[in-house]
Amino acid sequence: MRTKTTALAAAIALGAMLTGAPPALADGEVADVGVSLNAASQGLLRQTVILTGTLTNYGPSEASETQIRFTYPAQFRLVDAADCAANTETRIVSCNLGTIPVGSSASTQIRVKAELLTIGLPVTFNASRSFSLPPEDGNPANDTASDSCVAITSLLVSC
């Protein structure tokens, strides 16, 4: 299914390049916006985790007003979420990524830090497509992603 979706998105993108205009959005059009997430530990003692969330538009329509939502476990606290709305009580961070043309991607990062007493625990971070126009999605199965790390101690997180 991914091959057909990617081929269709490429054909639409090529048509838009040749005509000089993006495809117009109309009622019933869909944009398959997929989500990926990468967690990477950082720092001398590796207690900070950088979460990189990416939205990719597989088409066939341009996606606008796109948003990605991160969630992180209770054993972590938010350090940085520039240009994003964060609720530290629910551990949800929402970021606007704007318009994503067919065949393109947009990414953002947040940083979280392990709290004390985070020992020997596997931890999972999540990201999801929280909004885009058109709202119809041709493949809702790729609307969420997760990545895991192991908190060996609160000072050493391995991703």
N, C-alpha and C. Protein backbone atom coordinates (compact mmCIF):
# COMPACT_ATOMS: atom_id res chain seq x y z
N MET A 1 0.82 -1.19 0.00
CA MET A 1 0.00 0.00 0.00
C MET A 1 0.86 1.25 0.00
N ARG A 2 1.96 1.25 0.77
CA ARG A 2 2.84 2.41 0.85
C ARG A 2 3.39 2.75 -0.53
N THR A 3 3.75 1.73 -1.36
CA THR A 3 4.31 1.99 -2.68
C THR A 3 3.31 2.73 -3.55
N LYS A 4 2.05 2.29 -3.54
CA LYS A 4 1.03 2.96 -4.34
C LYS A 4 0.81 4.39 -3.84
N THR A 5 0.75 4.56 -2.53
CA THR A 5 0.54 5.90 -1.96
C THR A 5 1.70 6.81 -2.32
N THR A 6 2.93 6.31 -2.19
CA THR A 6 4.11 7.11 -2.51
C THR A 6 4.16 7.45 -3.99
N ALA A 7 3.82 6.48 -4.86
CA ALA A 7 3.82 6.73 -6.29
C ALA A 7 2.77 7.77 -6.67
N LEU A 8 1.59 7.68 -6.05
CA LEU A 8 0.55 8.66 -6.31
C LEU A 8 0.98 10.03 -5.84
N ALA A 9 1.56 10.11 -4.66
CA ALA A 9 2.03 11.39 -4.13
C ALA A 9 3.09 11.99 -5.04
N ALA A 10 3.99 11.15 -5.55
CA ALA A 10 5.05 11.63 -6.45
C ALA A 10 4.44 12.15 -7.75
N ALA A 11 3.43 11.45 -8.27
CA ALA A 11 2.79 11.89 -9.51
C ALA A 11 2.08 13.23 -9.32
N ILE A 12 1.41 13.38 -8.19
CA ILE A 12 0.72 14.65 -7.91
C ILE A 12 1.74 15.77 -7.74
N ALA A 13 2.83 15.49 -7.02
CA ALA A 13 3.86 16.50 -6.82
C ALA A 13 4.48 16.90 -8.15
N LEU A 14 4.73 15.93 -9.04
CA LEU A 14 5.30 16.23 -10.36
C LEU A 14 4.32 17.09 -11.16
N GLY A 15 3.04 16.75 -11.11
CA GLY A 15 2.03 17.55 -11.82
C GLY A 15 2.00 18.98 -11.31
N ALA A 16 2.12 19.14 -9.99
CA ALA A 16 2.12 20.48 -9.40
C ALA A 16 3.35 21.25 -9.84
N MET A 17 4.51 20.57 -9.93
CA MET A 17 5.73 21.24 -10.37
C MET A 17 5.61 21.68 -11.82
N LEU A 18 5.02 20.84 -12.68
CA LEU A 18 4.91 21.15 -14.09
C LEU A 18 3.93 22.29 -14.36
N THR A 19 2.85 22.33 -13.57
CA THR A 19 1.86 23.38 -13.78
C THR A 19 2.16 24.63 -12.98
N GLY A 20 3.03 24.49 -11.97
CA GLY A 20 3.38 25.64 -11.15
C GLY A 20 2.38 25.94 -10.05
N ALA A 21 1.39 25.08 -9.87
CA ALA A 21 0.38 25.32 -8.84
C ALA A 21 0.13 24.05 -8.05
N PRO A 22 0.01 24.15 -6.73
CA PRO A 22 -0.31 22.97 -5.95
C PRO A 22 -1.74 22.54 -6.21
N PRO A 23 -2.06 21.27 -5.99
CA PRO A 23 -3.43 20.83 -6.18
C PRO A 23 -4.35 21.56 -5.21
N ALA A 24 -5.50 21.97 -5.68
CA ALA A 24 -6.46 22.68 -4.83
C ALA A 24 -7.16 21.69 -3.91
N LEU A 25 -7.41 22.11 -2.68
CA LEU A 25 -8.14 21.28 -1.74
C LEU A 25 -9.63 21.42 -2.00
N ALA A 26 -10.32 20.32 -2.03
CA ALA A 26 -11.76 20.32 -2.22
C ALA A 26 -12.37 19.36 -1.22
N ASP A 27 -13.67 19.48 -1.03
CA ASP A 27 -14.34 18.56 -0.12
C ASP A 27 -14.05 17.13 -0.53
N GLY A 28 -13.77 16.29 0.46
CA GLY A 28 -13.51 14.88 0.20
C GLY A 28 -12.06 14.56 -0.09
N GLU A 29 -11.19 15.56 -0.24
CA GLU A 29 -9.79 15.27 -0.49
C GLU A 29 -9.13 14.79 0.79
N VAL A 30 -8.07 14.02 0.63
CA VAL A 30 -7.36 13.47 1.78
C VAL A 30 -5.87 13.79 1.68
N ALA A 31 -5.24 13.84 2.83
CA ALA A 31 -3.79 13.97 2.91
C ALA A 31 -3.31 12.95 3.92
N ASP A 32 -2.55 11.98 3.46
CA ASP A 32 -1.99 10.97 4.36
C ASP A 32 -0.78 11.55 5.05
N VAL A 33 -0.96 12.01 6.29
CA VAL A 33 0.13 12.59 7.06
C VAL A 33 0.63 11.54 8.04
N GLY A 34 1.84 11.05 7.80
CA GLY A 34 2.44 10.03 8.66
C GLY A 34 3.34 10.63 9.71
N VAL A 35 3.50 9.92 10.82
CA VAL A 35 4.29 10.39 11.96
C VAL A 35 5.48 9.47 12.19
N SER A 36 6.63 10.06 12.48
CA SER A 36 7.78 9.28 12.96
C SER A 36 8.35 9.98 14.18
N LEU A 37 9.00 9.20 15.04
CA LEU A 37 9.57 9.73 16.28
C LEU A 37 10.92 9.08 16.52
N ASN A 38 11.89 9.91 16.88
CA ASN A 38 13.21 9.41 17.24
C ASN A 38 13.60 9.98 18.59
N ALA A 39 13.97 9.10 19.52
CA ALA A 39 14.46 9.50 20.84
C ALA A 39 15.96 9.26 20.89
N ALA A 40 16.71 10.27 21.31
CA ALA A 40 18.17 10.15 21.39
C ALA A 40 18.64 10.77 22.70
N SER A 41 19.43 10.01 23.45
CA SER A 41 19.94 10.56 24.71
C SER A 41 21.13 11.47 24.42
N GLN A 42 21.29 12.48 25.29
CA GLN A 42 22.30 13.50 25.05
C GLN A 42 22.92 13.93 26.37
N GLY A 43 24.12 14.41 26.29
CA GLY A 43 24.79 14.97 27.46
C GLY A 43 25.88 14.04 27.97
N LEU A 44 26.73 14.60 28.79
CA LEU A 44 27.86 13.85 29.33
C LEU A 44 27.38 12.62 30.09
N LEU A 45 26.38 12.80 30.91
CA LEU A 45 25.85 11.67 31.67
C LEU A 45 24.61 11.08 31.00
N ARG A 46 24.19 11.64 29.88
CA ARG A 46 23.08 11.13 29.08
C ARG A 46 21.76 11.05 29.85
N GLN A 47 21.42 12.12 30.55
CA GLN A 47 20.15 12.14 31.26
C GLN A 47 19.08 12.93 30.52
N THR A 48 19.47 13.63 29.46
CA THR A 48 18.52 14.38 28.64
C THR A 48 18.20 13.57 27.39
N VAL A 49 16.93 13.56 27.03
CA VAL A 49 16.48 12.86 25.82
C VAL A 49 15.90 13.89 24.87
N ILE A 50 16.40 13.88 23.63
CA ILE A 50 15.88 14.74 22.58
C ILE A 50 14.88 13.92 21.77
N LEU A 51 13.65 14.41 21.70
CA LEU A 51 12.62 13.76 20.91
C LEU A 51 12.43 14.55 19.63
N THR A 52 12.63 13.90 18.50
CA THR A 52 12.43 14.52 17.20
C THR A 52 11.21 13.89 16.56
N GLY A 53 10.18 14.70 16.39
CA GLY A 53 8.96 14.23 15.74
C GLY A 53 8.87 14.80 14.34
N THR A 54 8.49 13.95 13.41
CA THR A 54 8.40 14.35 12.01
C THR A 54 7.04 13.97 11.44
N LEU A 55 6.43 14.92 10.74
CA LEU A 55 5.22 14.64 9.96
C LEU A 55 5.60 14.63 8.50
N THR A 56 5.19 13.58 7.78
CA THR A 56 5.46 13.45 6.36
C THR A 56 4.13 13.37 5.62
N ASN A 57 3.98 14.18 4.59
CA ASN A 57 2.76 14.18 3.80
C ASN A 57 2.94 13.28 2.58
N TYR A 58 2.24 12.14 2.60
CA TYR A 58 2.30 11.18 1.50
C TYR A 58 1.25 11.47 0.43
N GLY A 59 0.45 12.52 0.62
CA GLY A 59 -0.51 12.93 -0.39
C GLY A 59 -1.85 12.22 -0.25
N PRO A 60 -2.70 12.38 -1.19
CA PRO A 60 -2.49 13.07 -2.45
C PRO A 60 -2.69 14.58 -2.39
N SER A 61 -3.12 15.14 -1.24
CA SER A 61 -3.35 16.58 -1.14
C SER A 61 -2.35 17.22 -0.20
N GLU A 62 -2.15 18.52 -0.38
CA GLU A 62 -1.34 19.30 0.55
C GLU A 62 -2.02 19.30 1.92
N ALA A 63 -1.23 19.25 2.98
CA ALA A 63 -1.77 19.30 4.34
C ALA A 63 -1.40 20.65 4.96
N SER A 64 -2.38 21.33 5.53
CA SER A 64 -2.11 22.61 6.17
C SER A 64 -2.52 22.54 7.63
N GLU A 65 -2.05 23.53 8.39
CA GLU A 65 -2.34 23.62 9.81
C GLU A 65 -1.98 22.33 10.56
N THR A 66 -0.88 21.71 10.18
CA THR A 66 -0.50 20.44 10.78
C THR A 66 0.01 20.64 12.21
N GLN A 67 -0.29 19.67 13.05
CA GLN A 67 0.15 19.69 14.44
C GLN A 67 0.63 18.30 14.83
N ILE A 68 1.69 18.27 15.63
CA ILE A 68 2.18 17.02 16.19
C ILE A 68 2.09 17.13 17.71
N ARG A 69 1.76 16.02 18.34
CA ARG A 69 1.62 16.00 19.80
C ARG A 69 2.58 14.95 20.36
N PHE A 70 3.38 15.38 21.34
CA PHE A 70 4.30 14.49 22.04
C PHE A 70 3.72 14.17 23.42
N THR A 71 3.96 12.96 23.90
CA THR A 71 3.70 12.62 25.30
C THR A 71 4.96 11.95 25.84
N TYR A 72 5.25 12.23 27.11
CA TYR A 72 6.44 11.66 27.73
C TYR A 72 6.07 11.11 29.10
N PRO A 73 6.86 10.12 29.60
CA PRO A 73 6.51 9.46 30.87
C PRO A 73 6.70 10.34 32.09
N ALA A 74 6.05 9.95 33.17
CA ALA A 74 6.08 10.71 34.43
C ALA A 74 7.48 10.81 35.02
N GLN A 75 8.38 9.91 34.65
CA GLN A 75 9.74 9.94 35.19
C GLN A 75 10.61 11.01 34.55
N PHE A 76 10.04 11.80 33.66
CA PHE A 76 10.79 12.84 32.95
C PHE A 76 10.11 14.19 33.13
N ARG A 77 10.91 15.25 33.04
CA ARG A 77 10.36 16.60 33.07
C ARG A 77 10.79 17.32 31.80
N LEU A 78 9.94 18.20 31.37
CA LEU A 78 10.20 18.96 30.14
C LEU A 78 11.28 19.99 30.39
N VAL A 79 12.28 20.04 29.50
CA VAL A 79 13.37 21.01 29.59
C VAL A 79 13.19 22.11 28.55
N ASP A 80 12.80 21.72 27.32
CA ASP A 80 12.69 22.69 26.24
C ASP A 80 11.66 22.22 25.22
N ALA A 81 10.77 23.13 24.85
CA ALA A 81 9.78 22.87 23.80
C ALA A 81 9.51 24.19 23.10
N ALA A 82 10.55 24.76 22.50
CA ALA A 82 10.44 26.07 21.85
C ALA A 82 9.30 26.08 20.84
N ASP A 83 8.53 27.14 20.85
CA ASP A 83 7.43 27.36 19.90
C ASP A 83 6.34 26.30 19.97
N CYS A 84 6.21 25.62 21.09
CA CYS A 84 5.19 24.60 21.28
C CYS A 84 4.38 24.93 22.53
N ALA A 85 3.17 24.41 22.61
CA ALA A 85 2.34 24.57 23.80
C ALA A 85 2.53 23.32 24.67
N ALA A 86 2.87 23.53 25.94
CA ALA A 86 3.16 22.40 26.82
C ALA A 86 2.28 22.42 28.06
N ASN A 87 1.83 21.25 28.45
CA ASN A 87 1.12 21.07 29.71
C ASN A 87 1.94 20.07 30.52
N THR A 88 2.69 20.57 31.50
CA THR A 88 3.60 19.70 32.25
C THR A 88 2.86 18.77 33.21
N GLU A 89 1.62 19.07 33.54
CA GLU A 89 0.84 18.17 34.40
C GLU A 89 0.42 16.91 33.65
N THR A 90 -0.03 17.08 32.42
CA THR A 90 -0.45 15.92 31.62
C THR A 90 0.70 15.37 30.78
N ARG A 91 1.83 16.09 30.75
CA ARG A 91 3.02 15.71 29.98
C ARG A 91 2.70 15.60 28.47
N ILE A 92 1.94 16.58 27.99
CA ILE A 92 1.59 16.65 26.57
C ILE A 92 2.15 17.95 26.01
N VAL A 93 2.83 17.84 24.87
CA VAL A 93 3.39 19.00 24.18
C VAL A 93 2.84 18.99 22.76
N SER A 94 2.22 20.09 22.34
CA SER A 94 1.66 20.22 20.99
C SER A 94 2.41 21.28 20.22
N CYS A 95 2.80 20.93 18.99
CA CYS A 95 3.59 21.84 18.16
C CYS A 95 2.93 22.01 16.79
N ASN A 96 2.84 23.25 16.34
CA ASN A 96 2.33 23.54 15.00
C ASN A 96 3.48 23.43 14.00
N LEU A 97 3.23 22.69 12.92
CA LEU A 97 4.25 22.54 11.88
C LEU A 97 3.84 23.18 10.56
N GLY A 98 2.66 23.81 10.52
CA GLY A 98 2.26 24.56 9.33
C GLY A 98 1.84 23.70 8.17
N THR A 99 2.09 24.22 6.97
CA THR A 99 1.70 23.54 5.73
C THR A 99 2.81 22.61 5.27
N ILE A 100 2.42 21.40 4.88
CA ILE A 100 3.39 20.42 4.38
C ILE A 100 2.94 19.99 2.98
N PRO A 101 3.72 20.35 1.96
CA PRO A 101 3.38 19.94 0.60
C PRO A 101 3.48 18.42 0.44
N VAL A 102 2.84 17.91 -0.58
CA VAL A 102 2.91 16.48 -0.89
C VAL A 102 4.36 16.09 -1.11
N GLY A 103 4.78 14.99 -0.50
CA GLY A 103 6.14 14.49 -0.65
C GLY A 103 7.16 15.16 0.26
N SER A 104 6.71 16.04 1.13
CA SER A 104 7.62 16.76 2.03
C SER A 104 7.37 16.38 3.48
N SER A 105 8.31 16.81 4.33
CA SER A 105 8.23 16.55 5.77
C SER A 105 8.52 17.82 6.55
N ALA A 106 8.06 17.85 7.79
CA ALA A 106 8.38 18.93 8.72
C ALA A 106 8.66 18.29 10.07
N SER A 107 9.67 18.81 10.78
CA SER A 107 10.09 18.23 12.05
C SER A 107 10.21 19.28 13.13
N THR A 108 10.15 18.83 14.37
CA THR A 108 10.41 19.67 15.52
C THR A 108 11.00 18.80 16.62
N GLN A 109 11.63 19.45 17.59
CA GLN A 109 12.24 18.72 18.70
C GLN A 109 11.79 19.29 20.04
N ILE A 110 11.72 18.39 21.01
CA ILE A 110 11.57 18.80 22.40
C ILE A 110 12.63 18.06 23.20
N ARG A 111 12.94 18.57 24.39
CA ARG A 111 13.93 17.93 25.26
C ARG A 111 13.29 17.66 26.61
N VAL A 112 13.54 16.43 27.10
CA VAL A 112 13.07 16.04 28.43
C VAL A 112 14.26 15.49 29.21
N LYS A 113 14.15 15.55 30.53
CA LYS A 113 15.26 15.13 31.39
C LYS A 113 14.73 14.14 32.43
N ALA A 114 15.51 13.09 32.68
CA ALA A 114 15.13 12.08 33.66
C ALA A 114 15.14 12.67 35.06
N GLU A 115 14.11 12.35 35.84
CA GLU A 115 14.01 12.78 37.23
C GLU A 115 14.80 11.82 38.12
N LEU A 116 15.03 12.22 39.35
CA LEU A 116 15.67 11.34 40.31
C LEU A 116 14.80 10.11 40.52
N LEU A 117 15.41 9.03 40.90
CA LEU A 117 14.74 7.75 41.15
C LEU A 117 14.20 7.10 39.88
N THR A 118 14.71 7.49 38.75
CA THR A 118 14.37 6.82 37.49
C THR A 118 15.46 5.77 37.29
N ILE A 119 15.20 4.56 37.77
CA ILE A 119 16.23 3.53 37.79
C ILE A 119 15.71 2.25 37.14
N GLY A 120 16.48 1.74 36.17
CA GLY A 120 16.21 0.45 35.57
C GLY A 120 14.86 0.33 34.89
N LEU A 121 14.34 1.42 34.38
CA LEU A 121 13.02 1.40 33.78
C LEU A 121 13.07 1.56 32.27
N PRO A 122 12.33 0.73 31.55
CA PRO A 122 12.12 1.05 30.13
C PRO A 122 11.10 2.17 30.06
N VAL A 123 11.32 3.14 29.22
CA VAL A 123 10.41 4.27 29.08
C VAL A 123 10.04 4.42 27.61
N THR A 124 8.80 4.78 27.36
CA THR A 124 8.32 4.94 26.00
C THR A 124 7.83 6.38 25.81
N PHE A 125 8.24 6.96 24.70
CA PHE A 125 7.82 8.29 24.30
C PHE A 125 6.91 8.13 23.08
N ASN A 126 5.91 9.00 22.96
CA ASN A 126 4.93 8.88 21.89
C ASN A 126 4.78 10.20 21.14
N ALA A 127 4.39 10.07 19.87
CA ALA A 127 4.05 11.24 19.06
C ALA A 127 2.85 10.86 18.21
N SER A 128 2.01 11.85 17.93
CA SER A 128 0.84 11.60 17.09
C SER A 128 0.51 12.83 16.27
N ARG A 129 -0.14 12.60 15.17
CA ARG A 129 -0.69 13.68 14.35
C ARG A 129 -1.94 14.12 15.07
N SER A 130 -1.96 15.35 15.53
CA SER A 130 -3.12 15.79 16.30
C SER A 130 -4.10 16.60 15.47
N PHE A 131 -3.65 17.15 14.34
CA PHE A 131 -4.56 17.91 13.48
C PHE A 131 -3.90 18.20 12.15
N SER A 132 -4.70 18.25 11.11
CA SER A 132 -4.26 18.77 9.81
C SER A 132 -5.50 18.96 8.95
N LEU A 133 -5.37 19.82 7.95
CA LEU A 133 -6.42 20.01 6.96
C LEU A 133 -5.91 19.53 5.62
N PRO A 134 -6.59 18.74 4.85
CA PRO A 134 -7.89 18.20 5.19
C PRO A 134 -7.79 17.20 6.34
N PRO A 135 -8.86 17.06 7.13
CA PRO A 135 -8.80 16.15 8.27
C PRO A 135 -8.85 14.68 7.88
N GLU A 136 -9.36 14.39 6.68
CA GLU A 136 -9.42 13.00 6.25
C GLU A 136 -8.02 12.49 5.98
N ASP A 137 -7.72 11.31 6.48
CA ASP A 137 -6.39 10.72 6.34
C ASP A 137 -6.52 9.38 5.63
N GLY A 138 -5.80 9.23 4.54
CA GLY A 138 -5.86 8.01 3.75
C GLY A 138 -5.29 6.79 4.43
N ASN A 139 -4.49 6.97 5.49
CA ASN A 139 -3.86 5.85 6.17
C ASN A 139 -3.71 6.18 7.65
N PRO A 140 -4.76 6.06 8.45
CA PRO A 140 -4.67 6.41 9.87
C PRO A 140 -3.71 5.52 10.66
N ALA A 141 -3.30 4.41 10.09
CA ALA A 141 -2.38 3.50 10.79
C ALA A 141 -1.01 4.15 11.03
N ASN A 142 -0.64 5.18 10.25
CA ASN A 142 0.67 5.82 10.44
C ASN A 142 0.56 7.16 11.16
N ASP A 143 -0.53 7.37 11.88
CA ASP A 143 -0.76 8.64 12.58
C ASP A 143 -0.11 8.71 13.96
N THR A 144 0.49 7.63 14.42
CA THR A 144 1.17 7.61 15.72
C THR A 144 2.52 6.91 15.57
N ALA A 145 3.42 7.25 16.48
CA ALA A 145 4.73 6.60 16.50
C ALA A 145 5.23 6.61 17.94
N SER A 146 6.13 5.70 18.25
CA SER A 146 6.73 5.68 19.58
C SER A 146 8.19 5.25 19.46
N ASP A 147 8.94 5.58 20.49
CA ASP A 147 10.34 5.16 20.59
C ASP A 147 10.62 4.93 22.06
N SER A 148 11.51 3.99 22.33
CA SER A 148 11.77 3.61 23.72
C SER A 148 13.23 3.81 24.10
N CYS A 149 13.44 4.02 25.39
CA CYS A 149 14.76 4.14 25.97
C CYS A 149 14.75 3.34 27.26
N VAL A 150 15.93 3.15 27.84
CA VAL A 150 16.04 2.51 29.14
C VAL A 150 16.76 3.49 30.06
N ALA A 151 16.10 3.78 31.19
CA ALA A 151 16.71 4.65 32.20
C ALA A 151 17.48 3.73 33.15
N ILE A 152 18.78 3.60 32.91
CA ILE A 152 19.62 2.75 33.76
C ILE A 152 19.70 3.33 35.15
N THR A 153 19.91 4.63 35.22
CA THR A 153 19.78 5.45 36.44
C THR A 153 19.23 6.79 35.97
N SER A 154 18.95 7.68 36.92
CA SER A 154 18.46 8.98 36.51
C SER A 154 19.55 9.79 35.81
N LEU A 155 20.79 9.35 35.91
CA LEU A 155 21.91 10.05 35.27
C LEU A 155 22.32 9.40 33.95
N LEU A 156 21.77 8.24 33.64
CA LEU A 156 22.16 7.53 32.41
C LEU A 156 20.94 6.92 31.75
N VAL A 157 20.53 7.54 30.65
CA VAL A 157 19.41 7.05 29.86
C VAL A 157 19.97 6.61 28.52
N SER A 158 19.65 5.39 28.13
CA SER A 158 20.16 4.84 26.88
C SER A 158 19.02 4.71 25.87
N CYS A 159 19.20 5.37 24.72
CA CYS A 159 18.19 5.29 23.66
C CYS A 159 18.80 4.66 22.42
